[in-house]
Protein backbone atom coordinates (compact mmCIF):
# COMPACT_ATOMS: atom_id res chain seq x y z
CA UNK A 1 90.95 -85.48 -162.84
CA UNK A 2 92.48 -82.86 -165.46
CA UNK A 3 93.07 -79.32 -163.85
CA UNK A 4 91.54 -76.08 -164.80
CA UNK A 5 93.06 -72.69 -165.24
CA UNK A 6 91.99 -68.97 -166.25
CA UNK A 7 90.54 -67.56 -168.23
CA UNK A 8 93.51 -66.43 -169.99
CA UNK A 9 93.58 -63.87 -172.45
CA UNK A 10 94.49 -64.95 -175.87
CA UNK A 11 94.86 -63.36 -178.94
CA UNK A 12 93.91 -66.39 -181.15
CA UNK A 13 90.59 -67.60 -178.70
CA UNK A 14 89.43 -64.28 -176.65
CA UNK A 15 89.45 -65.37 -173.03
CA UNK A 16 90.06 -68.75 -172.84
CA UNK A 17 89.35 -71.73 -170.04
CA UNK A 18 92.42 -73.82 -170.24
CA UNK A 19 91.93 -77.36 -169.33
CA UNK A 20 94.88 -79.67 -168.99
CA UNK A 21 94.15 -83.58 -169.68
CA UNK A 22 97.79 -85.02 -169.62
CA UNK A 23 100.12 -85.77 -166.78
CA UNK A 24 103.04 -82.90 -166.97
CA UNK A 25 105.27 -83.74 -170.14
CA UNK A 26 103.77 -87.15 -171.45
CA UNK A 27 104.60 -86.35 -175.00
CA UNK A 28 105.88 -87.29 -178.40
CA UNK A 29 108.24 -84.29 -178.96
CA UNK A 30 110.70 -83.06 -176.85
CA UNK A 31 110.92 -79.65 -178.62
CA UNK A 32 114.15 -78.01 -178.15
CA UNK A 33 112.21 -74.39 -177.52
CA UNK A 34 109.54 -76.01 -175.34
CA UNK A 35 108.63 -73.58 -172.06
CA UNK A 36 107.90 -76.42 -169.84
CA UNK A 37 111.14 -77.90 -169.96
CA UNK A 38 112.21 -81.14 -171.59
CA UNK A 39 109.76 -84.22 -172.12
CA UNK A 40 109.90 -86.54 -168.90
CA UNK A 41 107.56 -89.49 -170.70
CA UNK A 42 108.30 -89.91 -174.69
CA UNK A 43 105.21 -91.87 -175.95
CA UNK A 44 103.51 -92.33 -178.87
CA UNK A 45 100.47 -94.95 -177.76
CA UNK A 46 97.51 -93.69 -176.11
CA UNK A 47 96.62 -94.01 -172.91
CA UNK A 48 94.03 -93.48 -170.09
CA UNK A 49 95.06 -90.57 -168.23
CA UNK A 50 92.29 -88.73 -166.36
CA UNK A 51 88.41 -89.75 -166.39
CA UNK A 52 86.38 -87.71 -168.98
CA UNK A 53 83.86 -87.29 -166.54
CA UNK A 54 86.02 -85.83 -164.24
CA UNK A 55 87.17 -83.44 -166.41
CA UNK A 56 83.74 -82.31 -167.21
CA UNK A 57 82.56 -81.82 -163.76
CA UNK A 58 85.75 -79.58 -162.83
CA UNK A 59 85.47 -77.38 -166.17
CA UNK A 60 81.45 -76.92 -165.57
CA UNK A 61 81.77 -76.00 -161.97
CA UNK A 62 84.62 -73.23 -163.95
CA UNK A 63 81.89 -72.30 -166.00
CA UNK A 64 78.76 -71.83 -163.54
CA UNK A 65 80.98 -69.50 -161.63
CA UNK A 66 82.53 -67.30 -164.55
CA UNK A 67 78.59 -67.31 -166.16
CA UNK A 68 77.33 -66.52 -162.25
CA UNK A 69 79.91 -63.59 -161.99
CA UNK A 70 78.87 -62.39 -165.59
CA UNK A 71 81.92 -62.62 -167.07
CA UNK A 72 82.78 -63.48 -170.75
CA UNK A 73 84.12 -66.92 -171.74
CA UNK A 74 85.21 -67.18 -175.28
CA UNK A 75 86.76 -70.88 -175.37
CA UNK A 76 87.03 -73.74 -173.35
CA UNK A 77 90.69 -74.55 -174.55
CA UNK A 78 92.32 -78.07 -174.14
CA UNK A 79 95.94 -76.96 -173.59
CA UNK A 80 97.78 -79.42 -171.18
CA UNK A 81 101.69 -79.73 -170.42
CA UNK A 82 102.20 -82.56 -173.09
CA UNK A 83 100.29 -83.48 -176.10
CA UNK A 84 96.33 -83.91 -175.93
CA UNK A 85 95.94 -86.57 -178.59
CA UNK A 86 97.95 -89.59 -176.38
CA UNK A 87 94.58 -89.28 -174.35
CA UNK A 88 93.00 -91.75 -175.31
CA UNK A 89 89.84 -90.12 -173.97
CA UNK A 90 90.17 -86.73 -175.76
CA UNK A 91 86.96 -87.28 -177.97
CA UNK A 92 85.05 -88.45 -175.14
CA UNK A 93 86.05 -85.24 -173.32
CA UNK A 94 85.59 -82.90 -176.03
CA UNK A 95 81.76 -84.24 -176.80
CA UNK A 96 81.17 -83.81 -172.94
CA UNK A 97 82.54 -80.11 -173.11
CA UNK A 98 80.45 -79.29 -176.21
CA UNK A 99 77.21 -79.81 -174.29
CA UNK A 100 78.37 -76.34 -171.88
CA UNK A 101 77.57 -74.20 -174.86
CA UNK A 102 81.18 -72.83 -175.32
CA UNK A 103 82.97 -73.79 -178.54
CA UNK A 104 86.18 -76.06 -177.77
CA UNK A 105 90.11 -75.56 -178.97
CA UNK A 106 92.58 -77.83 -179.10
CA UNK A 107 96.27 -77.46 -180.08
CA UNK A 108 98.14 -80.22 -180.90
CA UNK A 109 101.39 -80.39 -182.14
CA UNK A 110 100.05 -83.10 -184.99
CA UNK A 111 102.00 -86.08 -184.61
CA UNK A 112 99.43 -88.29 -184.08
CA UNK A 113 97.55 -87.31 -186.76
CA UNK A 114 98.28 -90.24 -189.53
CA UNK A 115 96.31 -92.13 -186.92
CA UNK A 116 92.36 -92.03 -188.08
CA UNK A 117 90.95 -92.61 -184.38
CA UNK A 118 93.08 -89.50 -183.72
CA UNK A 119 91.34 -87.38 -186.38
CA UNK A 120 87.72 -88.73 -185.65
CA UNK A 121 88.45 -87.68 -181.93
CA UNK A 122 89.73 -84.01 -182.70
CA UNK A 123 86.99 -83.63 -185.64
CA UNK A 124 84.66 -83.30 -182.73
CA UNK A 125 86.13 -79.86 -181.53
CA UNK A 126 85.16 -76.35 -182.67
CA UNK A 127 88.86 -74.77 -183.59
CA UNK A 128 91.81 -77.08 -183.87
CA UNK A 129 95.50 -75.21 -183.88
CA UNK A 130 98.19 -78.23 -185.63
CA UNK A 131 101.99 -77.44 -185.62
CA UNK A 132 103.99 -77.05 -188.67
CA UNK A 133 107.46 -76.24 -187.74
CA UNK A 134 109.22 -77.94 -190.74
CA UNK A 135 108.47 -80.40 -193.41
CA UNK A 136 112.16 -80.79 -194.29
CA UNK A 137 113.75 -83.93 -192.45
CA UNK A 138 116.74 -82.07 -190.47
CA UNK A 139 115.13 -79.25 -189.29
CA UNK A 140 112.05 -81.59 -187.56
CA UNK A 141 114.58 -83.87 -186.10
CA UNK A 142 116.77 -80.82 -184.65
CA UNK A 143 113.86 -78.43 -183.47
CA UNK A 144 110.93 -80.81 -182.58
CA UNK A 145 112.97 -83.94 -181.38
CA UNK A 146 110.51 -86.44 -181.68
CA UNK A 147 109.71 -89.81 -180.53
CA UNK A 148 111.82 -92.50 -182.43
CA UNK A 149 108.89 -94.05 -184.01
CA UNK A 150 107.39 -91.28 -185.80
CA UNK A 151 108.05 -90.46 -189.54
CA UNK A 152 107.50 -86.63 -190.72
CA UNK A 153 106.22 -87.99 -193.80
CA UNK A 154 103.13 -89.99 -191.95
CA UNK A 155 102.35 -86.88 -190.11
CA UNK A 156 102.07 -84.38 -192.80
CA UNK A 157 99.78 -86.61 -194.58
CA UNK A 158 98.14 -87.03 -191.50
CA UNK A 159 97.73 -83.12 -191.42
CA UNK A 160 96.74 -83.11 -194.73
CA UNK A 161 94.17 -85.91 -194.31
CA UNK A 162 92.92 -84.41 -190.94
CA UNK A 163 92.31 -81.16 -193.24
CA UNK A 164 90.39 -82.81 -195.94
CA UNK A 165 87.88 -83.99 -193.90
CA UNK A 166 87.43 -81.18 -190.62
CA UNK A 167 84.34 -79.00 -190.47
CA UNK A 168 86.02 -76.75 -188.00
CA UNK A 169 88.16 -73.69 -187.81
CA UNK A 170 91.78 -75.30 -188.68
CA UNK A 171 94.94 -72.86 -187.64
CA UNK A 172 98.81 -74.09 -187.76
CA UNK A 173 101.10 -72.51 -186.14
CA UNK A 174 105.54 -72.69 -187.20
CA UNK A 175 108.06 -71.59 -184.50
CA UNK A 176 110.82 -70.25 -186.17
CA UNK A 177 114.05 -70.68 -184.45
CA UNK A 178 117.77 -69.40 -185.25
CA UNK A 179 119.82 -71.67 -187.11
CA UNK A 180 117.04 -74.40 -186.45
CA UNK A 181 114.44 -74.06 -189.07
CA UNK A 182 115.03 -70.70 -190.38
CA UNK A 183 116.86 -71.35 -194.01
CA UNK A 184 115.64 -70.09 -197.14
CA UNK A 185 114.92 -73.90 -198.03
CA UNK A 186 113.25 -74.19 -195.15
CA UNK A 187 111.09 -71.61 -194.77
CA UNK A 188 109.86 -71.72 -198.88
CA UNK A 189 108.67 -75.59 -198.09
CA UNK A 190 106.70 -74.62 -195.20
CA UNK A 191 104.96 -72.10 -197.33
CA UNK A 192 104.22 -74.08 -199.79
CA UNK A 193 102.87 -76.82 -197.53
CA UNK A 194 100.91 -74.53 -195.54
CA UNK A 195 99.53 -72.63 -198.96
CA UNK A 196 98.48 -76.25 -200.16
CA UNK A 197 97.31 -76.78 -196.75
CA UNK A 198 94.84 -73.53 -196.65
CA UNK A 199 93.88 -73.19 -193.14
CA UNK A 200 92.14 -70.45 -191.66
CA UNK A 201 94.97 -68.59 -190.48
CA UNK A 202 98.93 -69.63 -190.68
CA UNK A 203 100.64 -68.36 -187.51
CA UNK A 204 104.23 -67.54 -187.34
CA UNK A 205 105.33 -67.51 -183.91
CA UNK A 206 109.14 -67.21 -182.23
CA UNK A 207 110.15 -68.28 -178.32
CA UNK A 208 109.26 -65.75 -175.77
CA UNK A 209 109.76 -67.51 -172.59
CA UNK A 210 113.05 -69.51 -171.61
CA UNK A 211 113.15 -72.93 -173.60
CA UNK A 212 114.00 -76.50 -172.60
CA UNK A 213 117.84 -75.79 -174.63
CA UNK A 214 119.25 -72.78 -173.90
CA UNK A 215 120.84 -72.92 -177.18
CA UNK A 216 117.07 -71.60 -178.46
CA UNK A 217 116.92 -68.16 -180.06
CA UNK A 218 114.04 -66.48 -181.98
CA UNK A 219 114.33 -66.17 -185.45
CA UNK A 220 115.74 -62.61 -186.50
CA UNK A 221 113.27 -59.73 -187.67
CA UNK A 222 114.42 -60.16 -191.16
CA UNK A 223 113.37 -64.05 -191.32
CA UNK A 224 110.14 -63.27 -190.09
CA UNK A 225 109.29 -60.77 -192.53
CA UNK A 226 110.92 -62.91 -195.09
CA UNK A 227 108.16 -66.29 -193.98
CA UNK A 228 105.40 -63.59 -193.79
CA UNK A 229 106.07 -62.14 -197.01
CA UNK A 230 106.47 -65.76 -198.69
CA UNK A 231 103.76 -66.98 -197.11
CA UNK A 232 101.35 -64.36 -198.10
CA UNK A 233 102.65 -64.42 -201.54
CA UNK A 234 100.89 -67.90 -201.72
CA UNK A 235 97.42 -66.37 -201.33
CA UNK A 236 97.45 -67.65 -197.53
CA UNK A 237 96.26 -65.45 -194.82
CA UNK A 238 98.98 -65.15 -192.17
CA UNK A 239 99.34 -63.90 -188.75
CA UNK A 240 102.59 -63.27 -186.38
CA UNK A 241 102.43 -64.53 -182.89
CA UNK A 242 105.58 -62.61 -180.96
CA UNK A 243 103.90 -60.74 -178.18
CA UNK A 244 100.31 -59.37 -176.54
CA UNK A 245 99.34 -56.49 -179.24
CA UNK A 246 96.73 -54.64 -177.46
CA UNK A 247 92.84 -55.00 -177.61
CA UNK A 248 92.69 -53.20 -181.15
CA UNK A 249 93.68 -53.33 -184.53
CA UNK A 250 91.48 -49.85 -185.37
CA UNK A 251 93.02 -46.60 -184.83
CA UNK A 252 92.94 -46.12 -181.48
CA UNK A 253 93.83 -41.95 -181.25
CA UNK A 254 97.37 -43.29 -179.88
CA UNK A 255 100.01 -43.95 -183.07
CA UNK A 256 102.22 -45.77 -181.09
CA UNK A 257 99.87 -48.03 -179.57
CA UNK A 258 98.26 -48.56 -182.95
CA UNK A 259 102.11 -49.26 -184.29
CA UNK A 260 102.70 -51.75 -181.67
CA UNK A 261 99.22 -53.75 -182.17
CA UNK A 262 99.47 -53.64 -185.98
CA UNK A 263 103.15 -55.16 -186.02
CA UNK A 264 102.75 -57.85 -183.42
CA UNK A 265 100.31 -59.27 -186.18
CA UNK A 266 101.80 -58.17 -189.67
CA UNK A 267 105.25 -56.70 -190.52
CA UNK A 268 104.39 -53.03 -191.73
CA UNK A 269 106.00 -51.65 -194.44
CA UNK A 270 107.76 -47.86 -194.07
CA UNK A 271 105.42 -46.25 -196.43
CA UNK A 272 102.61 -48.00 -194.66
CA UNK A 273 104.08 -46.21 -190.96
CA UNK A 274 104.34 -42.91 -192.38
CA UNK A 275 100.43 -43.59 -193.99
CA UNK A 276 99.18 -44.46 -190.34
CA UNK A 277 101.01 -41.51 -189.01
CA UNK A 278 99.31 -39.26 -191.18
CA UNK A 279 96.24 -40.23 -190.22
CA UNK A 280 97.04 -39.45 -186.55
CA UNK A 281 98.75 -36.06 -187.24
CA UNK A 282 101.87 -37.07 -185.90
CA UNK A 283 105.26 -37.46 -186.79
CA UNK A 284 108.43 -39.68 -187.46
CA UNK A 285 109.53 -38.84 -184.00
CA UNK A 286 106.65 -41.67 -182.75
CA UNK A 287 108.71 -44.51 -184.46
CA UNK A 288 112.15 -42.91 -183.34
CA UNK A 289 110.95 -43.38 -179.63
CA UNK A 290 109.72 -47.00 -180.42
CA UNK A 291 113.02 -48.27 -181.68
CA UNK A 292 115.36 -46.21 -179.45
CA UNK A 293 113.14 -48.10 -176.18
CA UNK A 294 113.57 -51.34 -178.09
CA UNK A 295 109.85 -51.87 -178.66
CA UNK A 296 109.95 -52.05 -182.13
CA UNK A 297 112.12 -53.13 -184.79
CA UNK A 298 113.01 -52.45 -188.30
CA UNK A 299 114.78 -54.18 -191.11
CA UNK A 300 115.46 -54.53 -194.59
CA UNK A 301 113.97 -57.14 -196.83
CA UNK A 302 113.36 -56.98 -200.69
CA UNK A 303 114.58 -53.41 -201.27
CA UNK A 304 112.16 -52.15 -198.58
CA UNK A 305 112.49 -51.50 -194.66
CA UNK A 306 109.87 -52.99 -192.54
CA UNK A 307 108.88 -52.60 -188.94
CA UNK A 308 108.06 -55.36 -186.59
CA UNK A 309 107.30 -55.31 -182.99
CA UNK A 310 109.70 -56.52 -180.95
CA UNK A 311 108.97 -59.29 -178.80
CA UNK A 312 111.94 -59.28 -176.37
CA UNK A 313 112.27 -55.59 -175.48
CA UNK A 314 114.45 -56.03 -172.78
CA UNK A 315 117.01 -57.43 -174.70
CA UNK A 316 117.33 -54.77 -177.25
CA UNK A 317 117.48 -52.19 -174.33
CA UNK A 318 120.06 -54.20 -172.43
CA UNK A 319 122.45 -54.19 -175.49
CA UNK A 320 121.96 -50.36 -176.02
CA UNK A 321 123.05 -49.73 -172.86
CA UNK A 322 125.90 -52.22 -173.49
CA UNK A 323 126.86 -49.78 -176.11
CA UNK A 324 126.92 -46.54 -174.17
CA UNK A 325 123.30 -45.41 -175.84
């Protein structure tokens, strides 16, 4: 049967109970940034892996335990170590899980959405995240390292087809990697595609854990800011996924905590930071301290200065120490 883990905290899904329905690293991609390593079994054909009924029983038992203890559960999330749509029993599994009265989420790399049966299976989920790392061939091949049977044009058309018929909550996730998909043409192309797709939210992420390819580095603060501004300017809701941002986005009475919370999701212009500090009766010392300990980053863009939460503060601290700071 598939494994069950959590609940784990998720900014997008609250308290989420994870369900792994795929054997380790059976996938249609071998993404350079993958945190669980290179793909062991490249696959684009769907197979039966674990009986949906057995997975359901394991999840039902865990949900019962959580309810008996009075613990909150917001989603049951199908997030395997491989690509979930490779499971021919995915639709059956989603249908069974929904009987538990907890919303079901699925995170997919989008590679099989050209298939009508895959779109039909995913349509039963309450929340679906689709990967859109690149819409230009070179970046897609370098970053996602797809199975040779896959074609980017078919995948993008499949994403659009799924969007047009899906009645649940659709979000996208774009991983930005230095030197792979962070050029101006790639960012412009992704922004245009996302604006036409119109998901509930377009999430921008960066690698924060050891990647499969040691050459992978997070895109710069400047790139994150530019991508955020590009997508926002096209009328699309966009958020950053660069680290844990705390529990609240309203004023907590702690200006440092508020800054870190907001900048983990949205880059803040200097004027907005100054306004926040003023409301908290705080001064620029707060920002200076966060910059010095590496938790906040400052970057210029389009004639203004923006602030973002640093997703790898230890690296910034090490660099400062090496400089004698």
